[in-house]
């Protein structure tokens, strides 16, 4: 069985990898923006239907479009729920990414945080940190290699249970429980 999300697929029983969490952080704003655009498109269509001028008999043209109006309103509601769920998932992914980045040295952690969480380019990171762009790319590659070597139990410890159970996009908001959030201070010490 496959668990499908917006940008990746995870086989059931397969363990989450650090790079997947980081990639989800980087993709979150674009996904939220796409959902917002879809809401705006439907709102615009709804406005065009309901604000239509009177027909020749003095009735509104919208009166014959109740099915379209209902469908658009239902779509808008569904999309708003998806956007809220994606925003919630983004918060969890950022918290998990920060916990993973704590295992790295400060410079590598800063580079990955700026790239994956803040969405900055290598050139922008280099300018902000006083590095050459090549140094940023090298630090990023080295840090990703270290994170790839992390034990899956360490990675799973950074994510709440509802997220690991397959609700990656947060579409089933009833699974959210703040008690599921990881206890950062209780996790294992970084590997030596």
C-alpha atoms as a PDB file:
ATOM      1  CA  UNK A   1       0.000   0.000   0.000  1.00  0.00           C
ATOM      2  CA  UNK A   2       1.275   3.468  -0.842  1.00  0.00           C
ATOM      3  CA  UNK A   3       0.708   6.561   1.257  1.00  0.00           C
ATOM      4  CA  UNK A   4       0.348   9.501  -1.135  1.00  0.00           C
ATOM      5  CA  UNK A   5       1.071  13.117  -0.362  1.00  0.00           C
ATOM      6  CA  UNK A   6       1.492  16.189  -2.502  1.00  0.00           C
ATOM      7  CA  UNK A   7       5.147  15.683  -3.402  1.00  0.00           C
ATOM      8  CA  UNK A   8       6.259  12.183  -2.479  1.00  0.00           C
ATOM      9  CA  UNK A   9       5.145   8.623  -1.935  1.00  0.00           C
ATOM     10  CA  UNK A  10       6.208   6.429   0.949  1.00  0.00           C
ATOM     11  CA  UNK A  11       5.740   2.663   0.927  1.00  0.00           C
ATOM     12  CA  UNK A  12       3.898   1.450   3.999  1.00  0.00           C
ATOM     13  CA  UNK A  13       6.441   0.257   6.531  1.00  0.00           C
ATOM     14  CA  UNK A  14       9.227   2.253   4.854  1.00  0.00           C
ATOM     15  CA  UNK A  15      11.068   4.585   7.205  1.00  0.00           C
ATOM     16  CA  UNK A  16      11.150   8.355   6.829  1.00  0.00           C
ATOM     17  CA  UNK A  17      14.481   9.818   5.759  1.00  0.00           C
ATOM     18  CA  UNK A  18      15.868  13.167   6.865  1.00  0.00           C
ATOM     19  CA  UNK A  19      16.037  14.486   3.294  1.00  0.00           C
ATOM     20  CA  UNK A  20      12.309  13.793   2.864  1.00  0.00           C
ATOM     21  CA  UNK A  21      11.518  15.985   5.858  1.00  0.00           C
ATOM     22  CA  UNK A  22      13.782  18.741   4.544  1.00  0.00           C
ATOM     23  CA  UNK A  23      12.276  18.527   1.046  1.00  0.00           C
ATOM     24  CA  UNK A  24       8.760  18.754   2.490  1.00  0.00           C
ATOM     25  CA  UNK A  25       9.801  21.924   4.341  1.00  0.00           C
ATOM     26  CA  UNK A  26      11.126  23.474   1.142  1.00  0.00           C
ATOM     27  CA  UNK A  27       7.998  22.497  -0.840  1.00  0.00           C
ATOM     28  CA  UNK A  28       5.437  23.591   1.768  1.00  0.00           C
ATOM     29  CA  UNK A  29       5.083  27.246   0.755  1.00  0.00           C
ATOM     30  CA  UNK A  30       4.635  26.357  -2.923  1.00  0.00           C
ATOM     31  CA  UNK A  31       2.005  23.752  -2.048  1.00  0.00           C
ATOM     32  CA  UNK A  32       0.143  26.211   0.187  1.00  0.00           C
ATOM     33  CA  UNK A  33       0.328  28.846  -2.539  1.00  0.00           C
ATOM     34  CA  UNK A  34      -1.160  26.427  -5.102  1.00  0.00           C
ATOM     35  CA  UNK A  35      -4.037  25.625  -2.761  1.00  0.00           C
ATOM     36  CA  UNK A  36      -4.591  29.351  -2.141  1.00  0.00           C
ATOM     37  CA  UNK A  37      -4.699  29.959  -5.919  1.00  0.00           C
ATOM     38  CA  UNK A  38      -7.291  27.218  -6.348  1.00  0.00           C
ATOM     39  CA  UNK A  39      -9.414  28.817  -3.614  1.00  0.00           C
ATOM     40  CA  UNK A  40      -9.129  32.215  -5.318  1.00  0.00           C
ATOM     41  CA  UNK A  41     -10.132  30.703  -8.669  1.00  0.00           C
ATOM     42  CA  UNK A  42     -13.237  29.150  -7.163  1.00  0.00           C
ATOM     43  CA  UNK A  43     -14.104  32.334  -5.265  1.00  0.00           C
ATOM     44  CA  UNK A  44     -13.802  34.274  -8.503  1.00  0.00           C
ATOM     45  CA  UNK A  45     -16.042  31.800 -10.330  1.00  0.00           C
ATOM     46  CA  UNK A  46     -18.541  31.949  -7.469  1.00  0.00           C
ATOM     47  CA  UNK A  47     -18.565  35.745  -7.631  1.00  0.00           C
ATOM     48  CA  UNK A  48     -19.128  35.709 -11.401  1.00  0.00           C
ATOM     49  CA  UNK A  49     -22.122  33.395 -10.988  1.00  0.00           C
ATOM     50  CA  UNK A  50     -23.736  35.214  -8.052  1.00  0.00           C
ATOM     51  CA  UNK A  51     -23.040  38.734  -9.332  1.00  0.00           C
ATOM     52  CA  UNK A  52     -24.498  38.087 -12.757  1.00  0.00           C
ATOM     53  CA  UNK A  53     -26.963  40.694 -14.031  1.00  0.00           C
ATOM     54  CA  UNK A  54     -30.710  40.188 -14.267  1.00  0.00           C
ATOM     55  CA  UNK A  55     -32.046  38.178 -17.161  1.00  0.00           C
ATOM     56  CA  UNK A  56     -34.792  39.428 -19.545  1.00  0.00           C
ATOM     57  CA  UNK A  57     -37.536  38.289 -17.123  1.00  0.00           C
ATOM     58  CA  UNK A  58     -36.083  40.240 -14.162  1.00  0.00           C
ATOM     59  CA  UNK A  59     -34.617  37.193 -12.438  1.00  0.00           C
ATOM     60  CA  UNK A  60     -31.014  36.638 -11.562  1.00  0.00           C
ATOM     61  CA  UNK A  61     -29.021  34.359 -13.826  1.00  0.00           C
ATOM     62  CA  UNK A  62     -27.592  32.840 -10.647  1.00  0.00           C
ATOM     63  CA  UNK A  63     -30.949  31.266  -9.795  1.00  0.00           C
ATOM     64  CA  UNK A  64     -30.390  28.523 -12.369  1.00  0.00           C
ATOM     65  CA  UNK A  65     -26.899  27.781 -11.122  1.00  0.00           C
ATOM     66  CA  UNK A  66     -27.613  26.389  -7.648  1.00  0.00           C
ATOM     67  CA  UNK A  67     -25.742  23.167  -8.430  1.00  0.00           C
ATOM     68  CA  UNK A  68     -22.674  25.088  -9.610  1.00  0.00           C
ATOM     69  CA  UNK A  69     -22.805  27.360  -6.565  1.00  0.00           C
ATOM     70  CA  UNK A  70     -23.081  24.394  -4.200  1.00  0.00           C
ATOM     71  CA  UNK A  71     -20.223  22.590  -5.915  1.00  0.00           C
ATOM     72  CA  UNK A  72     -17.983  25.659  -5.780  1.00  0.00           C
ATOM     73  CA  UNK A  73     -18.782  26.280  -2.107  1.00  0.00           C
ATOM     74  CA  UNK A  74     -18.010  22.641  -1.281  1.00  0.00           C
ATOM     75  CA  UNK A  75     -14.731  22.835  -3.233  1.00  0.00           C
ATOM     76  CA  UNK A  76     -13.752  26.025  -1.406  1.00  0.00           C
ATOM     77  CA  UNK A  77     -14.482  24.418   1.957  1.00  0.00           C
ATOM     78  CA  UNK A  78     -12.437  21.332   1.069  1.00  0.00           C
ATOM     79  CA  UNK A  79      -9.523  23.436  -0.176  1.00  0.00           C
ATOM     80  CA  UNK A  80      -9.565  25.617   2.943  1.00  0.00           C
ATOM     81  CA  UNK A  81      -9.359  22.487   5.080  1.00  0.00           C
ATOM     82  CA  UNK A  82      -6.479  21.186   2.938  1.00  0.00           C
ATOM     83  CA  UNK A  83      -4.639  24.488   3.307  1.00  0.00           C
ATOM     84  CA  UNK A  84      -5.080  24.502   7.077  1.00  0.00           C
ATOM     85  CA  UNK A  85      -3.913  20.884   7.272  1.00  0.00           C
ATOM     86  CA  UNK A  86      -0.861  21.609   5.080  1.00  0.00           C
ATOM     87  CA  UNK A  87       0.042  24.582   7.265  1.00  0.00           C
ATOM     88  CA  UNK A  88      -0.172  22.344  10.340  1.00  0.00           C
ATOM     89  CA  UNK A  89       1.967  19.675   8.650  1.00  0.00           C
ATOM     90  CA  UNK A  90       4.476  22.385   7.657  1.00  0.00           C
ATOM     91  CA  UNK A  91       4.859  23.420  11.301  1.00  0.00           C
ATOM     92  CA  UNK A  92       5.550  19.829  12.319  1.00  0.00           C
ATOM     93  CA  UNK A  93       8.013  19.366   9.455  1.00  0.00           C
ATOM     94  CA  UNK A  94       9.896  22.536  10.408  1.00  0.00           C
ATOM     95  CA  UNK A  95      10.082  21.417  14.053  1.00  0.00           C
ATOM     96  CA  UNK A  96      11.338  17.998  12.943  1.00  0.00           C
ATOM     97  CA  UNK A  97      13.867  19.596  10.570  1.00  0.00           C
ATOM     98  CA  UNK A  98      15.174  21.800  13.380  1.00  0.00           C
ATOM     99  CA  UNK A  99      15.553  18.768  15.644  1.00  0.00           C
ATOM    100  CA  UNK A 100      17.484  16.955  12.902  1.00  0.00           C
ATOM    101  CA  UNK A 101      19.670  19.990  12.241  1.00  0.00           C
ATOM    102  CA  UNK A 102      20.647  20.047  15.931  1.00  0.00           C
ATOM    103  CA  UNK A 103      22.763  16.968  15.180  1.00  0.00           C
ATOM    104  CA  UNK A 104      24.993  19.039  12.880  1.00  0.00           C
ATOM    105  CA  UNK A 105      27.610  21.698  13.530  1.00  0.00           C
ATOM    106  CA  UNK A 106      26.286  25.276  13.610  1.00  0.00           C
ATOM    107  CA  UNK A 107      27.535  26.300  10.149  1.00  0.00           C
ATOM    108  CA  UNK A 108      26.100  23.226   8.391  1.00  0.00           C
ATOM    109  CA  UNK A 109      22.863  23.521  10.325  1.00  0.00           C
ATOM    110  CA  UNK A 110      22.532  27.176   9.319  1.00  0.00           C
ATOM    111  CA  UNK A 111      23.099  26.388   5.637  1.00  0.00           C
ATOM    112  CA  UNK A 112      20.482  23.611   5.585  1.00  0.00           C
ATOM    113  CA  UNK A 113      18.004  25.687   7.626  1.00  0.00           C
ATOM    114  CA  UNK A 114      18.302  28.619   5.253  1.00  0.00           C
ATOM    115  CA  UNK A 115      18.013  26.406   2.176  1.00  0.00           C
ATOM    116  CA  UNK A 116      15.223  24.009   3.198  1.00  0.00           C
ATOM    117  CA  UNK A 117      13.193  25.918   5.778  1.00  0.00           C
ATOM    118  CA  UNK A 118      13.618  29.504   4.611  1.00  0.00           C
ATOM    119  CA  UNK A 119      13.832  28.560   0.919  1.00  0.00           C
ATOM    120  CA  UNK A 120      16.936  30.671   0.219  1.00  0.00           C
ATOM    121  CA  UNK A 121      19.195  30.010  -2.744  1.00  0.00           C
ATOM    122  CA  UNK A 122      22.849  29.019  -2.392  1.00  0.00           C
ATOM    123  CA  UNK A 123      23.851  32.506  -3.586  1.00  0.00           C
ATOM    124  CA  UNK A 124      21.655  34.206  -0.972  1.00  0.00           C
ATOM    125  CA  UNK A 125      23.022  31.952   1.772  1.00  0.00           C
ATOM    126  CA  UNK A 126      26.586  32.679   0.671  1.00  0.00           C
ATOM    127  CA  UNK A 127      25.950  36.427   0.752  1.00  0.00           C
ATOM    128  CA  UNK A 128      24.289  36.280   4.186  1.00  0.00           C
ATOM    129  CA  UNK A 129      26.951  34.041   5.752  1.00  0.00           C
ATOM    130  CA  UNK A 130      30.020  35.454   4.030  1.00  0.00           C
ATOM    131  CA  UNK A 131      30.798  32.240   2.143  1.00  0.00           C
ATOM    132  CA  UNK A 132      31.473  31.525  -1.503  1.00  0.00           C
ATOM    133  CA  UNK A 133      28.562  29.785  -3.267  1.00  0.00           C
ATOM    134  CA  UNK A 134      30.767  26.696  -3.730  1.00  0.00           C
ATOM    135  CA  UNK A 135      31.371  26.557   0.026  1.00  0.00           C
ATOM    136  CA  UNK A 136      27.622  26.623   0.638  1.00  0.00           C
ATOM    137  CA  UNK A 137      27.086  23.765  -1.810  1.00  0.00           C
ATOM    138  CA  UNK A 138      29.920  21.762  -0.213  1.00  0.00           C
ATOM    139  CA  UNK A 139      28.596  22.324   3.339  1.00  0.00           C
ATOM    140  CA  UNK A 140      25.120  21.361   2.168  1.00  0.00           C
ATOM    141  CA  UNK A 141      26.340  18.141   0.527  1.00  0.00           C
ATOM    142  CA  UNK A 142      28.448  17.176   3.573  1.00  0.00           C
ATOM    143  CA  UNK A 143      25.577  17.863   5.983  1.00  0.00           C
ATOM    144  CA  UNK A 144      23.108  15.874   3.874  1.00  0.00           C
ATOM    145  CA  UNK A 145      25.527  12.956   3.861  1.00  0.00           C
ATOM    146  CA  UNK A 146      25.675  13.035   7.675  1.00  0.00           C
ATOM    147  CA  UNK A 147      21.885  13.199   7.934  1.00  0.00           C
ATOM    148  CA  UNK A 148      21.547  10.289   5.481  1.00  0.00           C
ATOM    149  CA  UNK A 149      23.572   8.173   7.896  1.00  0.00           C
ATOM    150  CA  UNK A 150      21.178   8.848  10.789  1.00  0.00           C
ATOM    151  CA  UNK A 151      19.300   5.946  12.313  1.00  0.00           C
ATOM    152  CA  UNK A 152      15.618   5.853  11.324  1.00  0.00           C
ATOM    153  CA  UNK A 153      14.631   5.734  15.018  1.00  0.00           C
ATOM    154  CA  UNK A 154      16.294   9.141  15.532  1.00  0.00           C
ATOM    155  CA  UNK A 155      14.372  10.532  12.571  1.00  0.00           C
ATOM    156  CA  UNK A 156      11.060   9.029  13.695  1.00  0.00           C
ATOM    157  CA  UNK A 157      11.588  10.553  17.156  1.00  0.00           C
ATOM    158  CA  UNK A 158      11.364  14.019  15.613  1.00  0.00           C
ATOM    159  CA  UNK A 159       7.857  13.453  14.187  1.00  0.00           C
ATOM    160  CA  UNK A 160       4.498  13.095  15.968  1.00  0.00           C
ATOM    161  CA  UNK A 161       2.638   9.802  15.811  1.00  0.00           C
ATOM    162  CA  UNK A 162      -0.205  11.069  13.583  1.00  0.00           C
ATOM    163  CA  UNK A 163       2.349  12.159  10.990  1.00  0.00           C
ATOM    164  CA  UNK A 164       4.113   8.792  11.018  1.00  0.00           C
ATOM    165  CA  UNK A 165       0.808   6.903  10.766  1.00  0.00           C
ATOM    166  CA  UNK A 166       0.393   8.203   7.232  1.00  0.00           C
ATOM    167  CA  UNK A 167      -1.428  11.515   7.571  1.00  0.00           C
ATOM    168  CA  UNK A 168       1.490  13.361   5.950  1.00  0.00           C
ATOM    169  CA  UNK A 169      -0.584  16.110   4.392  1.00  0.00           C
ATOM    170  CA  UNK A 170      -2.717  16.538   7.496  1.00  0.00           C
ATOM    171  CA  UNK A 171      -5.909  15.722   5.597  1.00  0.00           C
ATOM    172  CA  UNK A 172      -7.265  13.891   8.608  1.00  0.00           C
ATOM    173  CA  UNK A 173      -6.959  16.674  11.141  1.00  0.00           C
ATOM    174  CA  UNK A 174      -8.696  14.580  13.789  1.00  0.00           C
ATOM    175  CA  UNK A 175      -5.402  12.691  14.204  1.00  0.00           C
ATOM    176  CA  UNK A 176      -3.624  15.808  15.462  1.00  0.00           C
ATOM    177  CA  UNK A 177      -2.811  15.664  19.144  1.00  0.00           C
ATOM    178  CA  UNK A 178      -0.368  18.083  20.715  1.00  0.00           C
ATOM    179  CA  UNK A 179       0.701  15.291  23.082  1.00  0.00           C
ATOM    180  CA  UNK A 180       2.119  13.498  20.009  1.00  0.00           C
ATOM    181  CA  UNK A 181       4.668  16.261  19.451  1.00  0.00           C
ATOM    182  CA  UNK A 182       8.216  15.099  20.197  1.00  0.00           C
ATOM    183  CA  UNK A 183       9.837  15.879  23.501  1.00  0.00           C
ATOM    184  CA  UNK A 184      12.983  17.616  22.206  1.00  0.00           C
ATOM    185  CA  UNK A 185      14.825  17.549  25.527  1.00  0.00           C
ATOM    186  CA  UNK A 186      14.208  13.804  25.973  1.00  0.00           C
ATOM    187  CA  UNK A 187      15.652  12.594  22.680  1.00  0.00           C
ATOM    188  CA  UNK A 188      18.951  10.766  22.488  1.00  0.00           C
ATOM    189  CA  UNK A 189      22.177  12.665  22.426  1.00  0.00           C
ATOM    190  CA  UNK A 190      23.714  13.319  19.010  1.00  0.00           C
ATOM    191  CA  UNK A 191      25.827  10.491  17.589  1.00  0.00           C
ATOM    192  CA  UNK A 192      29.530  10.700  18.370  1.00  0.00           C
END
